[in-house]
Amino acid sequence: MRLTRLIPAALALCLSAPAYAQGWEEYTNREDHFTVNFPGEPAVQAITYKTGKGTSLPGHVYTAKDARGGEYKITVINYATAKGEQASAVDEAAKALRTKGTIKYDGAEHQNNMRSQRISLSLPNGRFLLAEALMDRADHMFIMEADTPPNMPPPSQFQASLQVLDDSGVALRYKNPESTERVR
């Protein structure tokens, strides 16, 4: 008798998971040189980003929300006119991210052998923020932020999906963190 009541509940859970997963899709932007998974089509906003030295740089913020109340954002800043400031870009972005909450993890990473800083924070409102700042070897910085409700980790399909693209739309990956030699 109890088993027959559990079967419909288990079936409902199994069928609802694929419906949630169907909302995520790969988003590609050739102008800003990236592809990432978003929970639907992102809204795009043009911004002016100020570097630590006060240089104003053009950028875009891409934002999408999911059905669970999560917000996923990638900010792309073009450093083409600030070549001398690229070395400090990730550190400056990470410093700004750290001010948003209580740090749970803060570590240097190498996504596709490009230097990045990954930070996870507990936010004052009880939410969780997983963020990463990454600078490619050309002239773009990418700041990813996944802001999710309490007790709900950010989906890995967002954080792990970033691919930085070259001018031809091919994903960049270098042989090692110090090299400019690409893996093909």
C-alpha atoms as a PDB file:
ATOM      1  CA  MET A   1       0.000   0.000   0.000  1.00  0.00           C
ATOM      2  CA  ARG A   2       2.751   2.483   0.946  1.00  0.00           C
ATOM      3  CA  LEU A   3       4.824   1.521  -2.090  1.00  0.00           C
ATOM      4  CA  THR A   4       1.996   2.418  -4.473  1.00  0.00           C
ATOM      5  CA  ARG A   5       1.889   5.925  -2.981  1.00  0.00           C
ATOM      6  CA  LEU A   6       5.635   6.416  -3.376  1.00  0.00           C
ATOM      7  CA  ILE A   7       5.788   5.410  -7.042  1.00  0.00           C
ATOM      8  CA  PRO A   8       3.849   8.461  -8.356  1.00  0.00           C
ATOM      9  CA  ALA A   9       5.964  10.794  -6.193  1.00  0.00           C
ATOM     10  CA  ALA A  10       9.211   9.238  -7.441  1.00  0.00           C
ATOM     11  CA  LEU A  11       7.964   9.401 -11.023  1.00  0.00           C
ATOM     12  CA  ALA A  12       7.092  13.104 -10.642  1.00  0.00           C
ATOM     13  CA  LEU A  13      10.582  13.848  -9.333  1.00  0.00           C
ATOM     14  CA  CYS A  14      12.247  11.991 -12.199  1.00  0.00           C
ATOM     15  CA  LEU A  15      10.172  13.780 -14.835  1.00  0.00           C
ATOM     16  CA  SER A  16      10.649  17.257 -13.340  1.00  0.00           C
ATOM     17  CA  ALA A  17      14.470  17.104 -13.413  1.00  0.00           C
ATOM     18  CA  PRO A  18      14.731  16.924 -17.233  1.00  0.00           C
ATOM     19  CA  ALA A  19      12.239  19.800 -17.567  1.00  0.00           C
ATOM     20  CA  TYR A  20      14.486  21.996 -15.392  1.00  0.00           C
ATOM     21  CA  ALA A  21      17.616  21.027 -17.301  1.00  0.00           C
ATOM     22  CA  GLN A  22      15.997  21.891 -20.650  1.00  0.00           C
ATOM     23  CA  GLY A  23      16.066  25.617 -19.792  1.00  0.00           C
ATOM     24  CA  TRP A  24      19.873  25.815 -20.016  1.00  0.00           C
ATOM     25  CA  GLU A  25      21.434  26.528 -23.392  1.00  0.00           C
ATOM     26  CA  GLU A  26      24.777  27.449 -24.847  1.00  0.00           C
ATOM     27  CA  TYR A  27      25.099  31.156 -25.578  1.00  0.00           C
ATOM     28  CA  THR A  28      27.850  32.364 -27.912  1.00  0.00           C
ATOM     29  CA  ASN A  29      28.958  35.947 -28.457  1.00  0.00           C
ATOM     30  CA  ARG A  30      31.646  36.320 -31.125  1.00  0.00           C
ATOM     31  CA  GLU A  31      32.001  40.099 -30.571  1.00  0.00           C
ATOM     32  CA  ASP A  32      33.005  39.594 -26.922  1.00  0.00           C
ATOM     33  CA  HIS A  33      34.851  36.310 -27.652  1.00  0.00           C
ATOM     34  CA  PHE A  34      33.067  33.797 -25.413  1.00  0.00           C
ATOM     35  CA  THR A  35      30.562  30.997 -25.122  1.00  0.00           C
ATOM     36  CA  VAL A  36      28.840  29.976 -21.862  1.00  0.00           C
ATOM     37  CA  ASN A  37      25.752  28.040 -20.719  1.00  0.00           C
ATOM     38  CA  PHE A  38      22.899  30.238 -19.496  1.00  0.00           C
ATOM     39  CA  PRO A  39      19.403  29.402 -18.218  1.00  0.00           C
ATOM     40  CA  GLY A  40      17.823  31.063 -21.249  1.00  0.00           C
ATOM     41  CA  GLU A  41      18.670  34.065 -23.403  1.00  0.00           C
ATOM     42  CA  PRO A  42      20.612  36.662 -21.395  1.00  0.00           C
ATOM     43  CA  ALA A  43      19.795  40.353 -21.145  1.00  0.00           C
ATOM     44  CA  VAL A  44      22.723  42.489 -22.343  1.00  0.00           C
ATOM     45  CA  GLN A  45      23.778  45.846 -20.946  1.00  0.00           C
ATOM     46  CA  ALA A  46      26.624  48.056 -22.235  1.00  0.00           C
ATOM     47  CA  ILE A  47      28.816  49.401 -19.415  1.00  0.00           C
ATOM     48  CA  THR A  48      31.894  51.509 -18.800  1.00  0.00           C
ATOM     49  CA  TYR A  49      34.340  49.763 -16.473  1.00  0.00           C
ATOM     50  CA  LYS A  50      36.871  51.720 -14.400  1.00  0.00           C
ATOM     51  CA  THR A  51      40.259  50.084 -13.837  1.00  0.00           C
ATOM     52  CA  GLY A  52      42.333  50.547 -10.687  1.00  0.00           C
ATOM     53  CA  LYS A  53      44.259  53.298 -12.489  1.00  0.00           C
ATOM     54  CA  GLY A  54      41.012  55.058 -13.419  1.00  0.00           C
ATOM     55  CA  THR A  55      40.949  54.129 -17.113  1.00  0.00           C
ATOM     56  CA  SER A  56      37.422  53.854 -18.557  1.00  0.00           C
ATOM     57  CA  LEU A  57      36.979  50.720 -20.664  1.00  0.00           C
ATOM     58  CA  PRO A  58      34.002  49.465 -22.674  1.00  0.00           C
ATOM     59  CA  GLY A  59      32.237  46.308 -21.582  1.00  0.00           C
ATOM     60  CA  HIS A  60      29.026  44.329 -21.527  1.00  0.00           C
ATOM     61  CA  VAL A  61      27.108  42.548 -18.777  1.00  0.00           C
ATOM     62  CA  TYR A  62      25.136  39.426 -19.795  1.00  0.00           C
ATOM     63  CA  THR A  63      22.528  38.330 -17.212  1.00  0.00           C
ATOM     64  CA  ALA A  64      20.032  35.457 -17.054  1.00  0.00           C
ATOM     65  CA  LYS A  65      17.860  34.053 -14.256  1.00  0.00           C
ATOM     66  CA  ASP A  66      16.657  30.515 -13.664  1.00  0.00           C
ATOM     67  CA  ALA A  67      13.425  29.125 -12.234  1.00  0.00           C
ATOM     68  CA  ARG A  68      15.083  28.444  -8.834  1.00  0.00           C
ATOM     69  CA  GLY A  69      15.813  32.132  -8.231  1.00  0.00           C
ATOM     70  CA  GLY A  70      19.445  32.050  -9.323  1.00  0.00           C
ATOM     71  CA  GLU A  71      21.040  34.888 -11.274  1.00  0.00           C
ATOM     72  CA  TYR A  72      23.949  34.201 -13.622  1.00  0.00           C
ATOM     73  CA  LYS A  73      26.074  37.006 -14.950  1.00  0.00           C
ATOM     74  CA  ILE A  74      29.178  37.407 -17.067  1.00  0.00           C
ATOM     75  CA  THR A  75      30.834  40.791 -17.440  1.00  0.00           C
ATOM     76  CA  VAL A  76      33.237  41.184 -20.361  1.00  0.00           C
ATOM     77  CA  ILE A  77      35.668  44.116 -20.401  1.00  0.00           C
ATOM     78  CA  ASN A  78      37.773  45.020 -23.424  1.00  0.00           C
ATOM     79  CA  TYR A  79      41.322  45.947 -22.363  1.00  0.00           C
ATOM     80  CA  ALA A  80      42.562  46.662 -25.919  1.00  0.00           C
ATOM     81  CA  THR A  81      43.237  50.333 -25.079  1.00  0.00           C
ATOM     82  CA  ALA A  82      44.774  49.564 -21.667  1.00  0.00           C
ATOM     83  CA  LYS A  83      47.500  47.033 -22.488  1.00  0.00           C
ATOM     84  CA  GLY A  84      49.668  48.117 -19.536  1.00  0.00           C
ATOM     85  CA  GLU A  85      46.849  47.408 -17.082  1.00  0.00           C
ATOM     86  CA  GLN A  86      46.126  43.795 -18.044  1.00  0.00           C
ATOM     87  CA  ALA A  87      48.563  42.313 -15.513  1.00  0.00           C
ATOM     88  CA  SER A  88      46.591  43.705 -12.569  1.00  0.00           C
ATOM     89  CA  ALA A  89      43.081  43.236 -14.032  1.00  0.00           C
ATOM     90  CA  VAL A  90      42.252  39.904 -12.370  1.00  0.00           C
ATOM     91  CA  ASP A  91      43.562  41.060  -8.985  1.00  0.00           C
ATOM     92  CA  GLU A  92      41.488  44.264  -9.147  1.00  0.00           C
ATOM     93  CA  ALA A  93      38.323  42.374 -10.132  1.00  0.00           C
ATOM     94  CA  ALA A  94      38.888  39.794  -7.377  1.00  0.00           C
ATOM     95  CA  LYS A  95      39.362  42.562  -4.804  1.00  0.00           C
ATOM     96  CA  ALA A  96      35.988  44.061  -5.772  1.00  0.00           C
ATOM     97  CA  LEU A  97      34.285  40.643  -5.637  1.00  0.00           C
ATOM     98  CA  ARG A  98      35.646  39.936  -2.129  1.00  0.00           C
ATOM     99  CA  THR A  99      33.792  42.983  -0.750  1.00  0.00           C
ATOM    100  CA  LYS A 100      30.388  41.434  -1.546  1.00  0.00           C
ATOM    101  CA  GLY A 101      30.292  38.936   1.341  1.00  0.00           C
ATOM    102  CA  THR A 102      32.072  36.466   3.614  1.00  0.00           C
ATOM    103  CA  ILE A 103      34.770  34.527   1.769  1.00  0.00           C
ATOM    104  CA  LYS A 104      34.377  30.738   1.802  1.00  0.00           C
ATOM    105  CA  TYR A 105      36.983  29.985  -0.886  1.00  0.00           C
ATOM    106  CA  ASP A 106      39.531  32.213  -2.615  1.00  0.00           C
ATOM    107  CA  GLY A 107      42.091  30.625  -4.873  1.00  0.00           C
ATOM    108  CA  ALA A 108      44.192  31.204  -7.953  1.00  0.00           C
ATOM    109  CA  GLU A 109      43.144  28.970 -10.841  1.00  0.00           C
ATOM    110  CA  HIS A 110      44.077  28.394 -14.464  1.00  0.00           C
ATOM    111  CA  GLN A 111      40.989  27.864 -16.584  1.00  0.00           C
ATOM    112  CA  ASN A 112      42.184  26.532 -19.936  1.00  0.00           C
ATOM    113  CA  ASN A 113      45.608  27.647 -18.717  1.00  0.00           C
ATOM    114  CA  MET A 114      44.548  31.275 -18.487  1.00  0.00           C
ATOM    115  CA  ARG A 115      45.092  32.860 -15.076  1.00  0.00           C
ATOM    116  CA  SER A 116      41.940  33.327 -13.035  1.00  0.00           C
ATOM    117  CA  GLN A 117      40.822  33.906  -9.459  1.00  0.00           C
ATOM    118  CA  ARG A 118      37.901  31.826  -8.163  1.00  0.00           C
ATOM    119  CA  ILE A 119      36.011  33.081  -5.125  1.00  0.00           C
ATOM    120  CA  SER A 120      32.959  31.757  -3.297  1.00  0.00           C
ATOM    121  CA  LEU A 121      31.108  33.947  -0.831  1.00  0.00           C
ATOM    122  CA  SER A 122      28.208  33.859   1.589  1.00  0.00           C
ATOM    123  CA  LEU A 123      26.248  37.025   0.922  1.00  0.00           C
ATOM    124  CA  PRO A 124      24.676  39.171   3.679  1.00  0.00           C
ATOM    125  CA  ASN A 125      21.179  38.203   2.439  1.00  0.00           C
ATOM    126  CA  GLY A 126      21.934  34.481   2.981  1.00  0.00           C
ATOM    127  CA  ARG A 127      22.527  33.741  -0.685  1.00  0.00           C
ATOM    128  CA  PHE A 128      25.680  32.161  -2.149  1.00  0.00           C
ATOM    129  CA  LEU A 129      27.939  33.730  -4.796  1.00  0.00           C
ATOM    130  CA  LEU A 130      30.415  31.777  -6.896  1.00  0.00           C
ATOM    131  CA  ALA A 131      32.596  34.169  -8.890  1.00  0.00           C
ATOM    132  CA  GLU A 132      35.614  33.951 -11.154  1.00  0.00           C
ATOM    133  CA  ALA A 133      37.683  36.640 -12.848  1.00  0.00           C
ATOM    134  CA  LEU A 134      39.717  35.523 -15.860  1.00  0.00           C
ATOM    135  CA  MET A 135      41.968  37.457 -18.240  1.00  0.00           C
ATOM    136  CA  ASP A 136      42.655  35.991 -21.663  1.00  0.00           C
ATOM    137  CA  ARG A 137      46.020  36.485 -23.345  1.00  0.00           C
ATOM    138  CA  ALA A 138      44.606  38.942 -25.863  1.00  0.00           C
ATOM    139  CA  ASP A 139      42.614  41.806 -24.402  1.00  0.00           C
ATOM    140  CA  HIS A 140      39.451  40.659 -22.628  1.00  0.00           C
ATOM    141  CA  MET A 141      38.631  40.106 -18.977  1.00  0.00           C
ATOM    142  CA  PHE A 142      35.682  37.912 -18.004  1.00  0.00           C
ATOM    143  CA  ILE A 143      33.990  38.144 -14.595  1.00  0.00           C
ATOM    144  CA  MET A 144      31.513  35.325 -13.959  1.00  0.00           C
ATOM    145  CA  GLU A 145      29.037  35.468 -11.076  1.00  0.00           C
ATOM    146  CA  ALA A 146      26.448  32.864 -10.036  1.00  0.00           C
ATOM    147  CA  ASP A 147      24.193  34.198  -7.239  1.00  0.00           C
ATOM    148  CA  THR A 148      21.963  31.432  -5.886  1.00  0.00           C
ATOM    149  CA  PRO A 149      19.443  30.960  -3.054  1.00  0.00           C
ATOM    150  CA  PRO A 150      20.557  29.472   0.286  1.00  0.00           C
ATOM    151  CA  ASN A 151      21.333  25.743   0.285  1.00  0.00           C
ATOM    152  CA  MET A 152      21.286  25.659  -3.511  1.00  0.00           C
ATOM    153  CA  PRO A 153      24.720  25.436  -5.129  1.00  0.00           C
ATOM    154  CA  PRO A 154      25.211  27.180  -8.473  1.00  0.00           C
ATOM    155  CA  PRO A 155      24.790  24.809 -11.409  1.00  0.00           C
ATOM    156  CA  SER A 156      28.089  23.543 -12.703  1.00  0.00           C
ATOM    157  CA  GLN A 157      26.873  24.023 -16.271  1.00  0.00           C
ATOM    158  CA  PHE A 158      27.390  27.788 -15.819  1.00  0.00           C
ATOM    159  CA  GLN A 159      30.702  28.067 -13.973  1.00  0.00           C
ATOM    160  CA  ALA A 160      32.458  25.281 -15.870  1.00  0.00           C
ATOM    161  CA  SER A 161      31.088  26.169 -19.303  1.00  0.00           C
ATOM    162  CA  LEU A 162      33.022  29.354 -20.103  1.00  0.00           C
ATOM    163  CA  GLN A 163      35.072  29.082 -23.260  1.00  0.00           C
ATOM    164  CA  VAL A 164      37.118  32.068 -24.405  1.00  0.00           C
ATOM    165  CA  LEU A 165      37.136  32.334 -28.204  1.00  0.00           C
ATOM    166  CA  ASP A 166      39.681  33.694 -30.648  1.00  0.00           C
ATOM    167  CA  ASP A 167      38.738  36.000 -33.536  1.00  0.00           C
ATOM    168  CA  SER A 168      37.704  32.951 -35.611  1.00  0.00           C
ATOM    169  CA  GLY A 169      35.361  31.639 -32.916  1.00  0.00           C
ATOM    170  CA  VAL A 170      37.657  28.773 -31.864  1.00  0.00           C
ATOM    171  CA  ALA A 171      38.002  28.057 -28.128  1.00  0.00           C
ATOM    172  CA  LEU A 172      41.347  29.145 -26.665  1.00  0.00           C
ATOM    173  CA  ARG A 173      43.429  26.761 -24.575  1.00  0.00           C
ATOM    174  CA  TYR A 174      47.116  27.180 -23.919  1.00  0.00           C
ATOM    175  CA  LYS A 175      49.729  24.460 -23.318  1.00  0.00           C
ATOM    176  CA  ASN A 176      50.598  25.888 -19.885  1.00  0.00           C
ATOM    177  CA  PRO A 177      49.831  29.000 -17.833  1.00  0.00           C
ATOM    178  CA  GLU A 178      52.944  30.925 -18.944  1.00  0.00           C
ATOM    179  CA  SER A 179      52.864  29.950 -22.620  1.00  0.00           C
ATOM    180  CA  THR A 180      51.288  31.744 -25.543  1.00  0.00           C
ATOM    181  CA  GLU A 181      51.395  28.468 -27.513  1.00  0.00           C
ATOM    182  CA  ARG A 182      47.879  27.159 -28.042  1.00  0.00           C
ATOM    183  CA  VAL A 183      46.603  23.597 -27.869  1.00  0.00           C
ATOM    184  CA  ARG A 184      44.762  22.666 -31.048  1.00  0.00           C
END
